[in-house]
Amino acid sequence: MGNSFGCSASGERLVSAARDGDFVEAKILLEWNPCLAKYSTFGGLNSPLHFAAAKAHNEIVALLLENGADVNSRNYCGQTALMQACRYGHWEVVQTLILFRCNVTRADYLSGRTALHFAAVNGHVRCMRLVVADFVPSAPYDSLDAQAISDGSNTKTKFDQSALSKFVNKAADGGITALHMSALNGYLNCMQLLLDLHANASAVTFHYGTSMDLIGAGSTPLHYAACGGNLKCCQILLARGSSRLALNCNGWLPLDVARMWGRHWLEPLLNPNSDLPIPIFPRSSYLSLPLMSVLNIARDYGLQPSASASDDAEICAVCLERPCIIAAEGCAHELCIRCALYLCSTSNIPSEASTPPGSIPCPLCRHGIVSFAKLPVLPTKEFKLPSSLSLCTPCVLNHHREQDESETAGSPDTRRRRSDSVSSDIFCPVTCSPFVLPLCTCNEGPCPRFDPGESDPQQGSPDRSQPSSNEQGKTEGMRLEKTTCSGMFWGRRSCSREHQCNAEINT
């Protein structure tokens, strides 16, 4: 369908420019024919937006979106550009897509994975923080917990915890949540952030079968952490309510799974009669409370102010280039939007050093920032953003039709709405048919084993070596290889279709 918007040769040139990062070529092609932004390759495998997002070409991603590319467009596997960016850990691209109001709750066609699953399976905690930004309001974290517990009538207006919990605990095929994936691959930072966002530490996979058959259906994240072998991941799950006595459908305890996979260093901890002390884990250092307020201001007023506003505003003390647009609530220090976005997206100060937890230290006075507010001198009507930034995702397509009709009768003023916490009404349940997924049947060789050892993160399936007896005795900081074989989670048909789309991107 995408080939009907223009010459296929020009579309293929745009695909090559998006894949290679040629911004000048992409800009020239889009100026000649803006409809090329909606072009897709033959067979509908990927669009230029998918290529640019997967290759971390952030400027080309913004250029395509400004020229009308659908931020929620899917490829052959039903994956959006946000999923591709989360898969490879390109948090700047994720930030741009979030600014254009992409739908973070969409799941792919093959296995029901959301962008949160793609980020969790590869340990990209910065991408996870941005994906959940619209669910976490800019307010003190302790007060949010108190509001969620109370039965007051104003609780829903301030913080809809059910929407956050439903998104974080959304299950893919087999009932696998993002917490299961992080626990299996040993990503402690991802697990800590998910548990702070009310992920269910006792969630079980579907009882009628799971793609991880070697662990067993009906398994908890603690079963998956026992298979992965990371000691701290098991400790944090036990500290957050997981049970050592949980049985899966095979009748296995987490201790039994650890013994089957040779994780002997976990036996003292996972023993049902264990009396080992469980350490207390602080709040995640990747919890960013002011991120939602900055995103709302950036969506309403843009990243670059107008010339008239730039003359009156002071220069940002951090970058010394752009005018100040927003001010931190509390210390009232002024920053530009780009510096505030970068600060909220990259800060990982330990929670012990930040007060309250989840706040971002001010770069000028180190005061804990919980929320940002726009400066009152900022004119609203002078900031023009593309329609994809000013409207929510479901209204973008209808807006283009209404805009064509309104051009004949006149152009009314566009009302901009500030986005609030995401409502739970937008969720569509993942429909999974009751069938048993097969074991991994990859054509690339035997599946990776889970023996402890050091691995190269750049290789998909590195060679494993048996650890020495001294190394097995070290339980602190034990890190295993991440499960990169997607066939361990999903069936053979899903693997082949996904590899087909990825092969086109990596050509």
Protein backbone atom coordinates (compact mmCIF):
# COMPACT_ATOMS: atom_id res chain seq x y z
CA MET A 1 0.00 0.00 0.00
CA GLY A 2 2.85 2.32 0.80
CA ASN A 3 4.13 2.15 -2.78
CA SER A 4 1.02 3.97 -4.00
CA PHE A 5 2.10 7.22 -2.36
CA GLY A 6 4.87 7.81 -4.84
CA CYS A 7 7.49 6.24 -7.01
CA SER A 8 8.83 3.06 -5.47
CA ALA A 9 12.35 4.03 -6.50
CA SER A 10 12.11 7.23 -4.46
CA GLY A 11 10.64 5.26 -1.58
CA GLU A 12 13.55 2.83 -1.64
CA ARG A 13 15.93 5.79 -1.63
CA LEU A 14 14.19 7.10 1.48
CA VAL A 15 14.48 3.66 3.11
CA SER A 16 18.20 3.60 2.36
CA ALA A 17 18.60 7.13 3.73
CA ALA A 18 16.73 6.22 6.91
CA ARG A 19 18.81 3.08 7.37
CA ASP A 20 22.14 4.78 6.67
CA GLY A 21 21.39 7.99 8.57
CA ASP A 22 21.61 10.27 5.51
CA PHE A 23 19.60 13.22 6.83
CA VAL A 24 20.23 15.46 3.80
CA GLU A 25 19.00 12.84 1.35
CA ALA A 26 15.92 12.12 3.46
CA LYS A 27 15.09 15.82 3.74
CA ILE A 28 15.38 16.37 -0.01
CA LEU A 29 13.13 13.40 -0.78
CA LEU A 30 10.49 14.48 1.72
CA GLU A 31 10.51 18.04 0.41
CA TRP A 32 9.92 16.68 -3.08
CA ASN A 33 7.15 14.32 -1.93
CA PRO A 34 6.07 14.38 1.76
CA CYS A 35 3.88 11.31 1.19
CA LEU A 36 7.02 9.20 1.00
CA ALA A 37 7.09 9.31 4.81
CA LYS A 38 4.28 6.69 4.69
CA TYR A 39 6.15 4.43 2.30
CA SER A 40 6.73 0.80 3.24
CA THR A 41 9.02 -1.76 1.66
CA PHE A 42 7.72 -4.51 -0.59
CA GLY A 43 5.68 -6.94 1.45
CA GLY A 44 5.13 -4.39 4.19
CA LEU A 45 8.10 -5.60 6.21
CA ASN A 46 9.27 -2.22 7.53
CA SER A 47 8.72 1.48 6.94
CA PRO A 48 11.41 4.19 6.89
CA LEU A 49 10.38 5.03 10.45
CA HIS A 50 11.19 1.47 11.55
CA PHE A 51 14.60 1.64 9.90
CA ALA A 52 15.46 5.01 11.46
CA ALA A 53 14.26 3.92 14.91
CA ALA A 54 16.18 0.64 14.82
CA LYS A 55 19.38 2.39 13.69
CA ALA A 56 19.12 5.23 16.28
CA HIS A 57 18.82 8.01 13.68
CA ASN A 58 16.85 10.36 15.89
CA GLU A 59 16.88 13.36 13.54
CA ILE A 60 15.44 11.29 10.70
CA VAL A 61 12.77 9.90 13.04
CA ALA A 62 11.68 13.45 13.92
CA LEU A 63 11.81 14.46 10.24
CA LEU A 64 9.58 11.57 9.19
CA LEU A 65 7.05 12.27 11.93
CA GLU A 66 6.92 15.95 11.06
CA ASN A 67 6.12 15.00 7.46
CA GLY A 68 3.15 12.85 8.37
CA ALA A 69 4.56 9.41 9.13
CA ASP A 70 2.26 7.39 11.36
CA VAL A 71 3.97 7.07 14.74
CA ASN A 72 2.04 3.84 15.41
CA SER A 73 2.62 2.18 12.04
CA ARG A 74 3.28 -1.56 12.20
CA ASN A 75 5.57 -3.79 10.21
CA TYR A 76 4.90 -7.32 9.00
CA CYS A 77 5.17 -8.65 12.57
CA GLY A 78 2.89 -5.98 14.02
CA GLN A 79 5.80 -4.19 15.69
CA THR A 80 5.89 -0.42 15.94
CA ALA A 81 8.89 1.88 15.72
CA LEU A 82 8.77 2.20 19.50
CA MET A 83 9.28 -1.54 19.86
CA GLN A 84 12.27 -1.43 17.53
CA ALA A 85 13.84 1.43 19.48
CA CYS A 86 13.26 -0.38 22.80
CA ARG A 87 14.70 -3.61 21.40
CA TYR A 88 18.03 -1.95 20.64
CA GLY A 89 18.04 0.46 23.60
CA HIS A 90 17.87 3.76 21.68
CA TRP A 91 16.37 5.86 24.46
CA GLU A 92 16.66 9.15 22.53
CA VAL A 93 14.49 7.71 19.76
CA VAL A 94 12.06 6.43 22.39
CA GLN A 95 11.91 9.93 23.83
CA THR A 96 11.08 11.42 20.42
CA LEU A 97 8.35 8.85 19.77
CA ILE A 98 6.86 9.48 23.22
CA LEU A 99 6.79 13.22 22.48
CA PHE A 100 4.77 12.46 19.36
CA ARG A 101 2.29 10.57 21.53
CA CYS A 102 2.91 7.04 20.33
CA ASN A 103 0.73 4.32 21.80
CA VAL A 104 2.90 2.47 24.32
CA THR A 105 0.23 -0.14 25.10
CA ARG A 106 0.17 -1.72 21.63
CA ALA A 107 1.24 -5.35 21.36
CA ASP A 108 2.76 -7.11 18.36
CA TYR A 109 0.92 -9.73 16.34
CA LEU A 110 3.24 -12.64 17.01
CA SER A 111 3.46 -12.95 20.77
CA GLY A 112 1.57 -10.05 22.34
CA ARG A 113 4.71 -8.24 23.47
CA THR A 114 4.58 -4.53 24.20
CA ALA A 115 7.47 -2.08 24.04
CA LEU A 116 8.01 -2.73 27.75
CA HIS A 117 8.68 -6.41 27.01
CA PHE A 118 11.20 -5.53 24.30
CA ALA A 119 13.08 -3.21 26.65
CA ALA A 120 12.96 -5.64 29.59
CA VAL A 121 14.27 -8.69 27.73
CA ASN A 122 17.44 -6.77 26.78
CA GLY A 123 17.84 -4.78 30.00
CA HIS A 124 17.27 -1.29 28.58
CA VAL A 125 16.09 0.39 31.76
CA ARG A 126 16.23 3.93 30.34
CA CYS A 127 13.78 2.94 27.63
CA MET A 128 11.53 1.38 30.26
CA ARG A 129 11.54 4.60 32.25
CA LEU A 130 10.39 6.58 29.22
CA VAL A 131 7.74 4.03 28.21
CA VAL A 132 6.01 4.24 31.60
CA ALA A 133 6.42 8.03 31.92
CA ASP A 134 2.80 8.84 31.11
CA PHE A 135 1.61 6.51 33.86
CA VAL A 136 3.68 8.01 36.71
CA PRO A 137 2.51 11.51 37.71
CA SER A 138 4.93 14.15 38.91
CA ALA A 139 4.20 13.94 42.62
CA PRO A 140 6.07 12.55 45.65
CA TYR A 141 6.18 8.78 45.39
CA ASP A 142 5.24 8.16 49.03
CA SER A 143 2.15 10.31 48.68
CA LEU A 144 1.08 8.34 45.61
CA ASP A 145 1.18 5.12 47.60
CA ALA A 146 -0.86 6.75 50.35
CA GLN A 147 -3.45 7.95 47.83
CA ALA A 148 -3.69 4.51 46.24
CA ILE A 149 -4.35 2.86 49.60
CA SER A 150 -6.97 5.40 50.66
CA ASP A 151 -10.55 5.14 49.44
CA GLY A 152 -11.02 8.86 48.90
CA SER A 153 -13.08 10.12 45.98
CA ASN A 154 -10.22 12.24 44.64
CA THR A 155 -7.79 9.34 44.32
CA LYS A 156 -8.64 8.58 40.70
CA THR A 157 -8.27 12.18 39.61
CA LYS A 158 -4.75 12.38 40.95
CA PHE A 159 -3.31 8.96 40.28
CA ASP A 160 -4.87 6.04 38.46
CA GLN A 161 -2.80 3.21 39.88
CA SER A 162 -4.89 0.57 38.14
CA ALA A 163 -3.74 1.81 34.71
CA LEU A 164 -0.09 1.66 35.76
CA SER A 165 -0.45 -1.78 37.33
CA LYS A 166 -2.35 -3.13 34.33
CA PHE A 167 0.29 -1.92 31.89
CA VAL A 168 3.30 -3.10 33.90
CA ASN A 169 1.74 -6.54 34.49
CA LYS A 170 0.48 -6.97 30.92
CA ALA A 171 1.21 -10.54 29.85
CA ALA A 172 2.47 -11.71 26.49
CA ASP A 173 1.82 -15.17 25.06
CA GLY A 174 2.23 -17.80 27.73
CA GLY A 175 1.53 -15.27 30.48
CA ILE A 176 5.09 -13.93 30.51
CA THR A 177 5.37 -10.43 31.92
CA ALA A 178 8.23 -7.97 31.70
CA LEU A 179 9.24 -8.98 35.22
CA HIS A 180 9.64 -12.62 34.13
CA MET A 181 11.96 -11.57 31.31
CA SER A 182 14.09 -9.33 33.51
CA ALA A 183 14.33 -12.02 36.19
CA LEU A 184 15.44 -14.69 33.72
CA ASN A 185 18.16 -12.53 32.20
CA GLY A 186 19.35 -11.12 35.53
CA TYR A 187 18.66 -7.41 34.99
CA LEU A 188 18.41 -6.13 38.55
CA ASN A 189 17.85 -2.47 37.61
CA CYS A 190 14.89 -3.39 35.40
CA MET A 191 13.39 -5.58 38.09
CA GLN A 192 13.83 -2.88 40.72
CA LEU A 193 12.06 -0.30 38.55
CA LEU A 194 9.21 -2.68 37.68
CA LEU A 195 8.66 -3.66 41.30
CA ASP A 196 8.59 0.00 42.34
CA LEU A 197 5.92 0.50 39.67
CA HIS A 198 3.73 -2.16 41.30
CA ALA A 199 4.72 -5.17 39.21
CA ASN A 200 3.28 -8.36 40.65
CA ALA A 201 6.13 -10.40 42.15
CA SER A 202 3.82 -13.43 42.43
CA ALA A 203 2.43 -13.39 38.87
CA VAL A 204 2.30 -16.84 37.30
CA THR A 205 2.47 -17.83 33.66
CA PHE A 206 -0.55 -19.46 32.05
CA HIS A 207 -1.40 -22.91 33.36
CA TYR A 208 -2.26 -24.35 29.98
CA GLY A 209 1.33 -24.07 28.84
CA THR A 210 4.14 -21.63 28.41
CA SER A 211 6.81 -21.18 25.79
CA MET A 212 9.45 -21.67 28.48
CA ASP A 213 8.55 -25.36 28.93
CA LEU A 214 11.84 -26.22 30.58
CA ILE A 215 10.84 -24.05 33.53
CA GLY A 216 7.21 -25.11 33.51
CA ALA A 217 3.77 -23.59 33.18
CA GLY A 218 2.38 -21.65 36.11
CA SER A 219 5.81 -20.35 37.13
CA THR A 220 6.45 -17.18 39.11
CA PRO A 221 9.24 -14.65 38.47
CA LEU A 222 11.16 -16.41 41.25
CA HIS A 223 11.18 -19.61 39.17
CA TYR A 224 12.60 -17.61 36.26
CA ALA A 225 15.17 -15.91 38.48
CA ALA A 226 16.21 -19.34 39.80
CA CYS A 227 16.73 -20.48 36.22
CA GLY A 228 18.74 -17.34 35.44
CA GLY A 229 20.91 -17.76 38.50
CA ASN A 230 21.30 -14.16 39.66
CA LEU A 231 21.43 -14.03 43.45
CA LYS A 232 20.33 -10.42 43.87
CA CYS A 233 17.36 -10.93 41.56
CA CYS A 234 16.14 -13.74 43.80
CA GLN A 235 16.73 -11.63 46.90
CA ILE A 236 14.73 -8.65 45.66
CA LEU A 237 11.83 -10.90 44.66
CA LEU A 238 11.78 -12.47 48.10
CA ALA A 239 11.95 -9.02 49.67
CA ARG A 240 8.94 -7.90 47.60
CA GLY A 241 6.68 -10.83 48.46
CA SER A 242 7.62 -13.83 46.33
CA SER A 243 7.25 -17.20 48.03
CA ARG A 244 9.82 -19.99 48.19
CA LEU A 245 6.94 -22.49 48.45
CA ALA A 246 5.27 -21.56 45.14
CA LEU A 247 4.70 -24.63 42.96
CA ASN A 248 4.34 -24.50 39.20
CA CYS A 249 2.26 -26.91 37.13
CA ASN A 250 5.10 -29.45 37.14
CA GLY A 251 5.15 -29.44 40.93
CA TRP A 252 8.53 -27.70 41.06
CA LEU A 253 9.65 -25.23 43.67
CA PRO A 254 12.08 -22.43 42.74
CA LEU A 255 14.68 -24.57 44.53
CA ASP A 256 13.98 -27.47 42.16
CA VAL A 257 14.41 -25.21 39.13
CA ALA A 258 17.73 -23.94 40.49
CA ARG A 259 18.98 -27.52 40.95
CA MET A 260 17.86 -28.56 37.47
CA TRP A 261 19.80 -25.72 35.88
CA GLY A 262 22.86 -26.13 38.08
CA ARG A 263 22.42 -22.98 40.16
CA HIS A 264 23.85 -24.53 43.31
CA TRP A 265 24.78 -21.20 44.85
CA LEU A 266 21.06 -20.36 45.13
CA GLU A 267 20.13 -23.42 47.18
CA PRO A 268 20.82 -21.86 50.63
CA LEU A 269 18.62 -18.88 49.72
CA LEU A 270 15.76 -20.76 48.02
CA ASN A 271 15.52 -23.56 50.56
CA PRO A 272 12.02 -23.44 52.09
CA ASN A 273 13.57 -23.71 55.57
CA SER A 274 16.18 -21.04 54.88
CA ASP A 275 16.84 -18.52 57.62
CA LEU A 276 19.22 -16.34 55.63
CA PRO A 277 18.54 -12.61 56.08
CA ILE A 278 17.02 -10.82 53.10
CA PRO A 279 18.62 -7.42 52.38
CA ILE A 280 16.47 -4.32 52.15
CA PHE A 281 16.50 -2.81 48.67
CA PRO A 282 15.94 0.94 48.27
CA ARG A 283 13.81 2.58 45.61
CA SER A 284 15.04 2.31 42.06
CA SER A 285 17.51 4.98 40.98
CA TYR A 286 15.79 5.01 37.57
CA LEU A 287 12.45 6.21 38.93
CA SER A 288 11.98 9.70 37.46
CA LEU A 289 9.01 11.58 38.86
CA PRO A 290 9.37 14.93 37.00
CA LEU A 291 9.51 13.25 33.59
CA MET A 292 5.75 13.38 32.99
CA SER A 293 5.54 17.14 33.64
CA VAL A 294 8.41 17.85 31.22
CA LEU A 295 6.84 15.70 28.50
CA ASN A 296 3.52 17.52 28.87
CA ILE A 297 5.15 20.92 28.49
CA ALA A 298 7.24 19.79 25.52
CA ARG A 299 4.14 18.43 23.77
CA ASP A 300 2.17 21.62 24.32
CA TYR A 301 4.85 24.22 23.55
CA GLY A 302 7.54 22.42 21.55
CA LEU A 303 11.24 21.99 22.12
CA GLN A 304 12.20 25.32 20.54
CA PRO A 305 10.51 28.60 21.60
CA SER A 306 9.60 31.36 19.21
CA ALA A 307 11.89 34.29 18.52
CA SER A 308 9.81 36.75 20.55
CA ALA A 309 9.87 34.49 23.60
CA SER A 310 13.61 33.91 23.22
CA ASP A 311 14.36 37.64 23.46
CA ASP A 312 12.57 38.01 26.80
CA ALA A 313 13.72 34.78 28.47
CA GLU A 314 17.03 34.17 30.17
CA ILE A 315 19.61 31.78 28.75
CA CYS A 316 19.71 28.31 30.27
CA ALA A 317 22.56 28.04 32.78
CA VAL A 318 23.19 24.39 31.84
CA CYS A 319 23.61 24.51 28.06
CA LEU A 320 24.23 28.29 27.67
CA GLU A 321 22.46 28.15 24.31
CA ARG A 322 18.68 27.95 24.58
CA PRO A 323 16.29 30.21 26.51
CA CYS A 324 14.71 29.05 29.75
CA ILE A 325 11.19 27.72 29.32
CA ILE A 326 10.40 25.89 32.55
CA ALA A 327 11.21 26.20 36.25
CA ALA A 328 11.70 23.51 38.87
CA GLU A 329 9.06 23.49 41.55
CA GLY A 330 10.73 24.01 44.90
CA CYS A 331 14.03 25.70 44.09
CA ALA A 332 12.53 27.66 41.12
CA HIS A 333 15.67 27.34 39.02
CA GLU A 334 14.94 27.84 35.32
CA LEU A 335 16.01 25.48 32.54
CA CYS A 336 15.33 24.93 28.87
CA ILE A 337 13.12 22.01 27.89
CA ARG A 338 15.89 20.02 26.21
CA CYS A 339 18.13 20.13 29.28
CA ALA A 340 15.23 19.18 31.54
CA LEU A 341 14.30 16.27 29.28
CA TYR A 342 17.87 15.03 29.16
CA LEU A 343 18.19 15.38 32.93
CA CYS A 344 15.02 13.39 33.63
CA SER A 345 15.81 10.72 31.04
CA THR A 346 19.42 9.99 32.04
CA SER A 347 19.66 10.62 35.76
CA ASN A 348 20.28 7.53 37.89
CA ILE A 349 21.24 9.04 41.23
CA PRO A 350 20.81 6.47 44.05
CA SER A 351 17.57 6.92 45.91
CA GLU A 352 19.41 7.31 49.21
CA ALA A 353 20.95 10.53 47.92
CA SER A 354 17.70 11.96 46.49
CA THR A 355 14.91 13.30 48.69
CA PRO A 356 12.13 12.39 48.12
CA PRO A 357 12.72 9.06 46.30
CA GLY A 358 12.26 9.40 42.57
CA SER A 359 13.19 13.08 42.48
CA ILE A 360 15.93 14.44 40.22
CA PRO A 361 18.70 16.57 41.78
CA CYS A 362 18.74 20.10 40.44
CA PRO A 363 22.00 20.66 38.48
CA LEU A 364 22.40 24.09 40.10
CA CYS A 365 21.55 23.54 43.79
CA ARG A 366 21.08 19.73 44.13
CA HIS A 367 17.55 20.23 45.44
CA GLY A 368 15.24 17.29 44.72
CA ILE A 369 12.96 18.13 41.77
CA VAL A 370 9.61 16.36 41.69
CA SER A 371 7.86 18.45 39.04
CA PHE A 372 8.48 21.21 36.50
CA ALA A 373 6.20 24.11 35.60
CA LYS A 374 6.26 26.35 32.53
CA LEU A 375 7.16 29.99 32.94
CA PRO A 376 4.16 32.33 32.84
CA VAL A 377 5.75 34.58 30.19
CA LEU A 378 5.62 31.79 27.63
CA PRO A 379 2.95 32.49 24.97
CA THR A 380 0.95 29.43 24.05
CA LYS A 381 -0.42 30.35 20.66
CA GLU A 382 2.97 31.08 19.09
CA PHE A 383 4.14 27.49 19.39
CA LYS A 384 3.18 25.37 16.40
CA LEU A 385 3.72 21.63 16.55
CA PRO A 386 2.85 18.99 13.99
CA SER A 387 -0.59 17.49 14.32
CA SER A 388 0.86 14.25 15.60
CA LEU A 389 2.19 16.08 18.67
CA SER A 390 -0.94 18.08 19.41
CA LEU A 391 -3.39 15.20 19.24
CA CYS A 392 -3.58 11.86 20.93
CA THR A 393 -2.71 8.86 18.80
CA PRO A 394 -6.22 7.58 17.93
CA CYS A 395 -7.24 11.03 16.66
CA VAL A 396 -4.33 11.62 14.28
CA LEU A 397 -5.88 9.92 11.25
CA ASN A 398 -9.29 11.52 11.79
CA HIS A 399 -7.63 14.89 12.25
CA HIS A 400 -6.17 14.84 8.76
CA ARG A 401 -9.62 14.24 7.29
CA GLU A 402 -11.18 17.03 9.35
CA GLN A 403 -8.35 19.34 8.37
CA ASP A 404 -9.05 18.83 4.67
CA GLU A 405 -12.72 19.65 5.19
CA SER A 406 -12.00 22.69 7.32
CA GLU A 407 -9.66 24.24 4.75
CA THR A 408 -12.63 25.08 2.57
CA ALA A 409 -14.63 26.70 5.36
CA GLY A 410 -11.72 28.24 7.23
CA SER A 411 -9.08 27.04 9.68
CA PRO A 412 -10.28 27.08 13.30
CA ASP A 413 -7.85 27.39 16.18
CA THR A 414 -6.44 24.11 17.36
CA ARG A 415 -6.97 23.43 21.00
CA ARG A 416 -4.11 21.79 22.76
CA ARG A 417 -4.74 19.59 25.68
CA ARG A 418 -2.32 18.72 28.37
CA SER A 419 -2.02 14.94 28.74
CA ASP A 420 -2.95 13.49 32.10
CA SER A 421 -2.33 10.10 33.60
CA VAL A 422 -3.31 7.38 31.18
CA SER A 423 -6.76 6.03 31.87
CA SER A 424 -7.33 2.34 32.32
CA ASP A 425 -10.12 2.45 29.71
CA ILE A 426 -7.64 2.49 26.83
CA PHE A 427 -6.39 -1.01 27.49
CA CYS A 428 -7.33 -3.85 25.24
CA PRO A 429 -6.80 -7.29 26.76
CA VAL A 430 -4.30 -9.61 25.13
CA THR A 431 -6.30 -12.49 23.74
CA CYS A 432 -4.33 -15.70 23.92
CA SER A 433 -5.73 -18.96 22.60
CA PRO A 434 -5.15 -22.00 24.83
CA PHE A 435 -2.39 -23.88 23.09
CA VAL A 436 1.00 -25.17 24.14
CA LEU A 437 3.90 -23.43 22.49
CA PRO A 438 6.71 -25.70 21.29
CA LEU A 439 10.24 -25.71 22.51
CA CYS A 440 12.94 -23.70 20.80
CA THR A 441 13.66 -25.04 17.30
CA CYS A 442 16.12 -22.51 15.99
CA ASN A 443 17.91 -23.23 12.76
CA GLU A 444 21.05 -21.47 13.91
CA GLY A 445 22.29 -24.32 16.10
CA PRO A 446 21.63 -25.56 19.59
CA CYS A 447 19.86 -23.29 22.05
CA PRO A 448 22.05 -21.39 24.49
CA ARG A 449 22.56 -23.06 27.81
CA PHE A 450 22.27 -21.23 31.07
CA ASP A 451 25.60 -22.28 32.54
CA PRO A 452 27.25 -19.47 34.50
CA GLY A 453 30.14 -17.79 32.81
CA GLU A 454 31.25 -14.62 31.22
CA SER A 455 29.88 -13.64 27.83
CA ASP A 456 30.37 -10.94 25.29
CA PRO A 457 27.29 -8.67 25.22
CA GLN A 458 27.82 -7.92 21.57
CA GLN A 459 27.32 -11.54 20.47
CA GLY A 460 23.90 -13.10 20.21
CA SER A 461 24.88 -16.64 21.30
CA PRO A 462 28.45 -16.69 22.63
CA ASP A 463 30.33 -19.82 23.51
CA ARG A 464 29.92 -20.92 27.09
CA SER A 465 32.67 -22.26 29.27
CA GLN A 466 32.27 -24.26 32.44
CA PRO A 467 33.15 -22.22 35.54
CA SER A 468 35.72 -23.37 38.01
CA SER A 469 34.87 -24.51 41.50
CA ASN A 470 36.12 -21.20 42.94
CA GLU A 471 33.85 -19.22 40.70
CA GLN A 472 30.84 -21.26 41.72
CA GLY A 473 31.54 -20.38 45.31
CA LYS A 474 31.11 -16.70 44.65
CA THR A 475 27.46 -15.86 45.09
CA GLU A 476 27.75 -12.10 45.21
CA GLY A 477 27.41 -10.34 41.89
CA MET A 478 26.86 -13.52 39.94
CA ARG A 479 25.81 -12.59 36.38
CA LEU A 480 24.77 -15.01 33.67
CA GLU A 481 24.33 -14.72 29.96
CA LYS A 482 21.12 -13.13 28.82
CA THR A 483 18.66 -15.24 26.88
CA THR A 484 18.90 -13.84 23.37
CA CYS A 485 17.27 -16.80 21.65
CA SER A 486 13.73 -15.59 21.01
CA GLY A 487 12.67 -19.15 20.34
CA MET A 488 12.95 -19.84 24.06
CA PHE A 489 9.92 -17.57 24.48
CA TRP A 490 8.05 -17.84 21.21
CA GLY A 491 7.25 -20.50 18.63
CA ARG A 492 9.08 -21.37 15.42
CA ARG A 493 6.71 -19.47 13.16
CA SER A 494 7.01 -16.33 15.26
CA CYS A 495 10.81 -16.58 15.18
CA SER A 496 10.99 -16.90 11.39
CA ARG A 497 8.69 -13.94 10.77
CA GLU A 498 10.53 -11.77 13.26
CA HIS A 499 13.93 -12.74 11.84
CA GLN A 500 12.66 -11.81 8.38
CA CYS A 501 11.85 -8.26 9.51
CA ASN A 502 15.08 -7.92 11.47
CA ALA A 503 17.17 -9.22 8.58
CA GLU A 504 15.84 -6.44 6.36
CA ILE A 505 16.80 -3.81 8.94
CA ASN A 506 20.28 -5.25 9.50
CA THR A 507 21.08 -5.62 5.80
